[in-house]
Protein backbone atom coordinates (compact mmCIF):
# COMPACT_ATOMS: atom_id res chain seq x y z
CA MET A 1 46.78 86.37 25.13
CA LEU A 2 49.78 84.31 24.19
CA THR A 3 50.06 80.58 24.62
CA LYS A 4 52.49 79.24 27.20
CA ARG A 5 54.90 78.23 24.46
CA GLN A 6 54.72 81.65 22.81
CA GLU A 7 55.41 83.28 26.17
CA SER A 8 58.38 80.97 26.70
CA ILE A 9 59.75 81.87 23.26
CA LEU A 10 59.25 85.61 23.77
CA LYS A 11 60.86 85.50 27.21
CA MET A 12 63.82 83.55 25.85
CA ILE A 13 64.34 85.99 22.98
CA VAL A 14 64.11 89.03 25.26
CA THR A 15 66.53 87.68 27.88
CA GLU A 16 69.02 86.43 25.29
CA TYR A 17 68.93 89.70 23.37
CA ILE A 18 69.39 91.72 26.57
CA LYS A 19 72.41 89.59 27.41
CA LEU A 20 74.12 89.28 24.01
CA ALA A 21 72.70 92.08 21.84
CA LYS A 22 72.42 89.61 18.93
CA PRO A 23 69.26 88.53 17.09
CA VAL A 24 67.99 85.20 18.39
CA GLY A 25 67.49 82.39 15.89
CA SER A 26 65.14 79.42 15.98
CA LYS A 27 67.93 76.86 16.57
CA LEU A 28 68.70 78.08 20.07
CA ILE A 29 65.01 77.96 20.98
CA CYS A 30 64.57 74.51 19.44
CA ASP A 31 67.43 73.16 21.53
CA ARG A 32 65.98 74.56 24.75
CA LEU A 33 62.31 73.76 24.18
CA ASN A 34 62.88 70.48 22.39
CA CYS A 35 60.56 71.43 19.51
CA SER A 36 60.99 71.15 15.75
CA SER A 37 62.47 74.08 13.90
CA ALA A 38 59.28 74.36 11.81
CA THR A 39 57.17 74.72 14.97
CA ILE A 40 59.44 77.39 16.43
CA ARG A 41 59.65 79.35 13.17
CA ASN A 42 55.86 79.33 12.93
CA GLU A 43 55.53 80.56 16.53
CA MET A 44 58.10 83.28 15.91
CA MET A 45 56.21 84.42 12.80
CA GLN A 46 53.02 84.67 14.86
CA LEU A 47 54.83 86.72 17.51
CA GLU A 48 56.12 88.94 14.73
CA ASP A 49 52.60 89.34 13.32
CA LEU A 50 51.44 90.37 16.79
CA GLY A 51 54.10 93.09 16.82
CA LEU A 52 56.09 91.54 19.67
CA LEU A 53 59.15 90.59 17.63
CA GLU A 54 61.02 92.24 14.78
CA LYS A 55 63.20 90.73 12.09
CA THR A 56 66.54 92.39 11.39
CA HIS A 57 67.97 92.93 7.93
CA THR A 58 71.31 91.36 8.81
CA SER A 59 70.11 88.09 10.32
CA SER A 60 67.33 85.54 10.16
CA GLY A 61 66.96 85.90 13.93
CA ARG A 62 64.44 88.06 15.79
CA VAL A 63 64.75 90.88 18.29
CA PRO A 64 62.09 92.21 20.69
CA SER A 65 60.00 95.18 19.63
CA GLU A 66 58.92 97.90 22.07
CA LYS A 67 55.64 96.05 22.37
CA GLY A 68 57.56 92.83 23.04
CA TYR A 69 59.57 94.43 25.83
CA ARG A 70 56.36 95.83 27.30
CA TYR A 71 54.73 92.38 27.31
CA TYR A 72 57.85 90.95 28.91
CA VAL A 73 58.01 93.46 31.79
CA ASP A 74 54.24 93.30 32.39
CA HIS A 75 53.77 89.52 32.26
CA LEU A 76 57.01 87.53 32.12
CA MET A 77 59.73 89.31 34.05
CA GLU A 78 61.08 87.72 37.24
CA LEU A 79 63.03 90.04 39.52
CA LYS A 80 66.71 89.21 39.81
CA GLU A 81 68.10 88.89 43.35
CA LEU A 82 70.88 91.26 44.34
CA SER A 83 74.21 89.61 45.07
CA GLY A 84 75.76 89.75 48.53
CA GLU A 85 78.49 92.06 47.23
CA GLU A 86 75.94 94.46 45.72
CA VAL A 87 73.92 94.61 48.94
CA TYR A 88 77.11 95.16 50.96
CA LYS A 89 78.21 98.09 48.77
CA LEU A 90 74.80 99.77 49.09
CA GLU A 91 74.48 99.07 52.82
CA THR A 92 77.85 100.73 53.41
CA VAL A 93 76.39 103.96 52.02
CA PHE A 94 73.01 103.81 53.77
CA GLN A 95 74.52 102.94 57.15
CA ASN A 96 76.81 105.96 57.09
CA SER A 97 74.90 108.29 59.42
CA SER A 98 77.21 111.22 58.69
CA LEU A 99 75.93 111.55 55.12
CA GLU A 100 73.13 113.89 54.04
CA LEU A 101 70.34 112.33 51.96
CA SER A 102 71.64 114.01 48.79
CA ASP A 103 75.06 112.41 49.32
CA VAL A 104 73.48 109.03 50.06
CA LEU A 105 71.46 109.21 46.85
CA ASN A 106 74.39 110.26 44.70
CA ARG A 107 76.74 107.59 46.11
CA SER A 108 74.16 104.83 45.84
CA LEU A 109 73.42 105.79 42.23
CA GLU A 110 77.14 105.74 41.49
CA ILE A 111 77.12 102.14 42.71
CA ILE A 112 74.07 101.30 40.57
CA SER A 113 75.68 102.88 37.50
CA ASP A 114 78.81 100.84 38.14
CA ILE A 115 76.83 97.60 38.60
CA THR A 116 74.56 98.06 35.58
CA SER A 117 76.61 100.21 33.18
CA TYR A 118 73.58 102.47 32.82
CA THR A 119 73.12 106.18 33.55
CA SER A 120 71.50 107.20 36.83
CA ILE A 121 69.66 110.43 37.59
CA VAL A 122 68.42 111.92 40.84
CA LEU A 123 65.91 114.74 40.62
CA ASP A 124 65.57 116.38 44.02
CA ALA A 125 62.30 118.31 44.17
CA LYS A 126 61.88 120.73 47.03
CA SER A 127 58.75 119.59 48.81
CA HIS A 128 55.63 121.74 48.73
CA ASP A 129 55.40 120.93 52.44
CA ASN A 130 58.54 123.01 53.11
CA LYS A 131 57.38 126.51 54.04
CA LEU A 132 59.55 129.58 54.42
CA LYS A 133 60.36 130.18 58.09
CA GLU A 134 62.98 132.87 57.77
CA ILE A 135 65.57 134.45 55.51
CA ASN A 136 68.73 136.14 56.77
CA VAL A 137 71.62 137.77 54.97
CA VAL A 138 75.26 137.77 56.11
CA PRO A 139 77.75 140.18 54.46
CA VAL A 140 80.96 138.48 53.36
CA ASP A 141 82.68 141.16 51.30
CA LYS A 142 81.85 144.60 49.93
CA ASN A 143 79.52 143.27 47.25
CA ILE A 144 79.12 139.64 48.38
CA LEU A 145 76.35 138.42 50.69
CA ILE A 146 75.23 134.98 51.80
CA ALA A 147 71.47 134.46 51.89
CA ILE A 148 70.39 131.87 54.47
CA VAL A 149 66.93 130.44 53.89
CA VAL A 150 65.33 128.33 56.62
CA THR A 151 62.13 126.28 56.23
CA ASP A 152 59.69 125.08 58.86
CA GLN A 153 60.90 121.52 58.21
CA GLY A 154 64.41 122.40 59.34
CA VAL A 155 65.92 122.61 55.85
CA VAL A 156 68.64 125.28 55.62
CA GLU A 157 69.91 126.54 52.26
CA HIS A 158 72.81 128.94 51.64
CA LYS A 159 73.06 130.99 48.44
CA THR A 160 75.67 133.57 47.45
CA MET A 161 74.39 136.97 46.31
CA GLU A 162 76.55 139.46 44.44
CA ILE A 163 75.10 142.97 44.74
CA SER A 164 76.88 146.22 43.91
CA GLY A 165 75.85 149.81 44.63
CA VAL A 166 73.39 148.88 47.36
CA SER A 167 73.78 149.72 51.04
CA LEU A 168 73.50 147.06 53.72
CA GLU A 169 70.60 149.03 55.22
CA GLU A 170 68.62 148.64 52.00
CA VAL A 171 69.34 144.91 52.00
CA LYS A 172 68.18 144.55 55.61
CA LYS A 173 65.02 146.53 54.85
CA THR A 174 64.22 144.14 51.98
CA VAL A 175 64.88 141.09 54.15
CA LYS A 176 62.49 142.44 56.81
CA LEU A 177 59.75 143.00 54.23
CA ILE A 178 60.14 139.47 52.91
CA ASN A 179 60.07 137.98 56.41
CA ASP A 180 57.03 140.07 57.36
CA LEU A 181 55.02 139.32 54.23
CA ILE A 182 55.77 135.81 52.96
CA VAL A 183 56.88 133.69 55.92
CA GLY A 184 54.70 130.55 55.91
CA THR A 185 54.53 130.38 52.10
CA PRO A 186 55.49 127.02 50.53
CA ILE A 187 59.01 127.26 49.13
CA ASP A 188 57.87 126.38 45.61
CA GLU A 189 55.42 129.34 45.65
CA VAL A 190 57.74 132.00 47.09
CA SER A 191 59.14 133.22 43.74
CA ALA A 192 55.66 133.80 42.29
CA LYS A 193 54.48 135.59 45.44
CA LEU A 194 57.64 137.68 45.47
CA GLU A 195 57.02 138.79 41.89
CA PHE A 196 53.31 139.55 42.02
CA GLU A 197 52.73 140.60 45.63
CA ILE A 198 55.99 141.68 47.22
CA LYS A 199 57.74 143.49 44.37
CA PRO A 200 55.30 146.48 44.46
CA VAL A 201 55.77 146.77 48.23
CA ILE A 202 59.57 146.69 47.98
CA ALA A 203 59.39 149.42 45.32
CA LYS A 204 57.65 151.74 47.80
CA TYR A 205 60.19 151.41 50.62
CA VAL A 206 63.53 150.48 49.06
CA LYS A 207 65.55 152.77 46.79
CA GLN A 208 67.50 150.12 44.89
CA HIS A 209 64.42 147.90 44.76
CA GLU A 210 64.97 146.50 41.24
CA ILE A 211 68.47 145.20 42.00
CA LEU A 212 67.41 143.69 45.31
CA TYR A 213 64.21 142.19 43.95
CA ASN A 214 66.13 140.44 41.15
CA ALA A 215 68.74 139.14 43.59
CA PHE A 216 66.21 137.66 46.01
CA TYR A 217 64.04 136.34 43.19
CA ASP A 218 67.06 134.42 41.86
CA VAL A 219 67.78 133.03 45.35
CA PHE A 220 64.27 131.66 45.83
CA THR A 221 63.98 130.38 42.27
CA ASP A 222 67.24 128.50 42.67
CA ILE A 223 66.23 127.02 46.02
CA SER A 224 62.76 125.96 44.89
CA SER A 225 63.87 124.48 41.58
CA LYS A 226 64.62 120.81 41.15
CA ASN A 227 68.25 119.82 41.57
CA VAL A 228 69.34 117.42 38.83
CA ASN A 229 72.38 115.18 39.14
CA VAL A 230 73.43 112.82 36.35
CA VAL A 231 75.68 109.88 37.30
CA GLY A 232 77.49 107.66 34.79
CA LYS A 233 76.68 109.63 31.64
CA ASN A 234 79.54 108.00 29.73
CA ASN A 235 78.03 104.56 30.35
CA ILE A 236 75.90 105.21 27.26
CA LEU A 237 79.06 104.63 25.22
CA LYS A 238 79.26 101.03 26.44
CA HIS A 239 76.14 99.98 24.53
CA GLN A 240 76.28 99.20 20.84
CA GLU A 241 72.92 100.88 20.22
CA PHE A 242 74.70 104.19 20.74
CA SER A 243 77.81 103.63 18.64
CA ASN A 244 76.64 106.14 16.02
CA VAL A 245 78.35 109.51 16.57
CA SER A 246 75.24 111.59 15.85
CA LYS A 247 73.17 109.43 18.22
CA ILE A 248 75.79 109.79 20.98
CA ASN A 249 75.79 113.57 20.54
CA ASP A 250 71.99 113.61 20.65
CA ILE A 251 71.80 111.57 23.87
CA PHE A 252 74.61 113.55 25.52
CA SER A 253 72.92 116.86 24.70
CA LYS A 254 69.73 115.60 26.34
CA LEU A 255 71.60 114.41 29.44
CA ASP A 256 73.22 117.87 29.67
CA ASN A 257 69.87 119.67 29.33
CA LYS A 258 68.58 120.13 32.87
CA GLU A 259 65.27 121.55 31.72
CA MET A 260 64.64 118.41 29.66
CA LEU A 261 65.75 116.14 32.51
CA LYS A 262 63.18 117.76 34.79
CA ASN A 263 60.55 116.05 32.62
CA ILE A 264 61.77 112.78 34.13
CA GLU A 265 60.05 113.72 37.40
CA GLU A 266 57.89 110.85 38.69
CA LYS A 267 54.93 111.46 41.02
CA ASN A 268 53.80 107.84 41.10
CA ASN A 269 55.08 105.95 44.12
CA ASP A 270 55.55 102.68 42.21
CA ILE A 271 58.62 101.71 40.22
CA ASN A 272 57.61 102.49 36.65
CA ILE A 273 59.13 101.39 33.36
CA TYR A 274 58.92 103.57 30.24
CA ILE A 275 60.18 101.91 27.07
CA GLY A 276 61.12 103.79 23.90
CA HIS A 277 58.32 106.11 22.81
CA GLU A 278 56.66 105.78 26.23
CA ASN A 279 59.27 108.05 27.84
CA LYS A 280 59.88 111.78 27.41
CA MET A 281 63.63 111.33 27.07
CA ASP A 282 64.40 109.55 23.81
CA PRO A 283 62.68 106.81 21.74
CA ASP A 284 65.88 104.73 21.71
CA VAL A 285 66.15 104.39 25.50
CA ALA A 286 64.24 102.89 28.39
CA VAL A 287 63.72 104.80 31.64
CA ILE A 288 62.97 103.08 34.94
CA LYS A 289 62.09 105.49 37.73
CA THR A 290 60.30 106.00 40.99
CA ASN A 291 59.30 108.75 43.37
CA TYR A 292 60.84 108.82 46.85
CA LYS A 293 59.49 110.74 49.81
CA THR A 294 60.75 111.32 53.35
CA SER A 295 59.55 113.70 56.07
CA LYS A 296 61.73 116.47 54.61
CA ASP A 297 62.53 115.57 51.02
CA GLU A 298 60.86 114.37 47.86
CA GLY A 299 62.22 113.58 44.45
CA THR A 300 62.77 111.11 41.64
CA ILE A 301 65.45 108.50 41.03
CA ALA A 302 65.76 107.13 37.51
CA ILE A 303 67.93 104.73 35.53
CA ILE A 304 68.39 105.29 31.78
CA GLY A 305 69.73 102.69 29.39
CA PRO A 306 69.05 101.09 26.01
CA LYS A 307 65.69 99.44 25.39
CA ARG A 308 67.73 96.25 25.72
CA MET A 309 67.92 96.95 29.45
CA ASP A 310 68.34 94.43 32.23
CA TYR A 311 64.88 95.33 33.57
CA ASP A 312 64.64 92.67 36.27
CA LYS A 313 67.95 93.78 37.80
CA VAL A 314 67.27 97.52 37.69
CA VAL A 315 63.78 97.25 39.19
CA ASN A 316 65.18 95.35 42.17
CA LEU A 317 68.00 97.85 42.65
CA LEU A 318 65.61 100.80 42.62
CA ASP A 319 63.25 98.99 44.97
CA TYR A 320 66.11 98.38 47.41
CA ILE A 321 67.19 102.05 47.35
CA LYS A 322 63.64 103.33 47.71
CA LYS A 323 63.01 101.15 50.78
CA GLN A 324 66.29 102.27 52.36
CA ILE A 325 65.48 105.95 51.80
CA GLU A 326 61.92 105.79 53.05
CA GLY A 327 62.69 103.50 55.95
């Protein structure tokens, strides 16, 4: 455990570095704690020996290490109150009853990205509790159909299907087989059941079974997969840690990779902080995220920024959004 003075020094260095992005020297700490420079330098050396601080090559000052940030968020951080203007902006979104949850999430995360200059992500996972109630198909054009999937929780999804060389009768026959055989199956299990149990049955009764199987498999896979939306991707450019062109390209490629972003999914109901190597995104960033769950929807909301992140602000913002969503 650290002494009270060491904790004060570490907290001061973390908060100053978050704010200014410059190594913190002993003079500033001496002035604030009214201690001799020799005392402060000795304490800083001890914090460095403990792996909580790092010394840069360009300055005699210190910066927090990953371990230092972790100690700060676990033991020293005090949540920062939201301003009246920030609360007003968010309340305007949540009080708009005409918006769907997905729109509420995206608009609120746009506000958070604007407030913090970080990147926000919403990962909308289709709940296992949503079970297939019915699928219908509506012809739109010669080769264009709209598949309408309804769940027992009242969720309705529309997906366009483009199918050529198949009669409408064959399509209807396939829809009837699906409704007869897999209604009541959790949405996230439908694709697997369709492949291993229903495909052989469709092959027996439907002439163009391969084309239709592939079309419906794509519909259910798309519906059951997690929907990823990235807000404020360019905010990464505002932070000096990402001024290197190769690093920017690396981060951008990860933010564009939906399969990688799905690893951000959070099952834990708390607001969790993953710093540097603790997260699955990138060792140069911090990820703060939480799971949200309503009667019909479940997913993850996450904020991504440099390890020099304003943790106390972001945690409070996520906590506010989570409480608004879950009621």
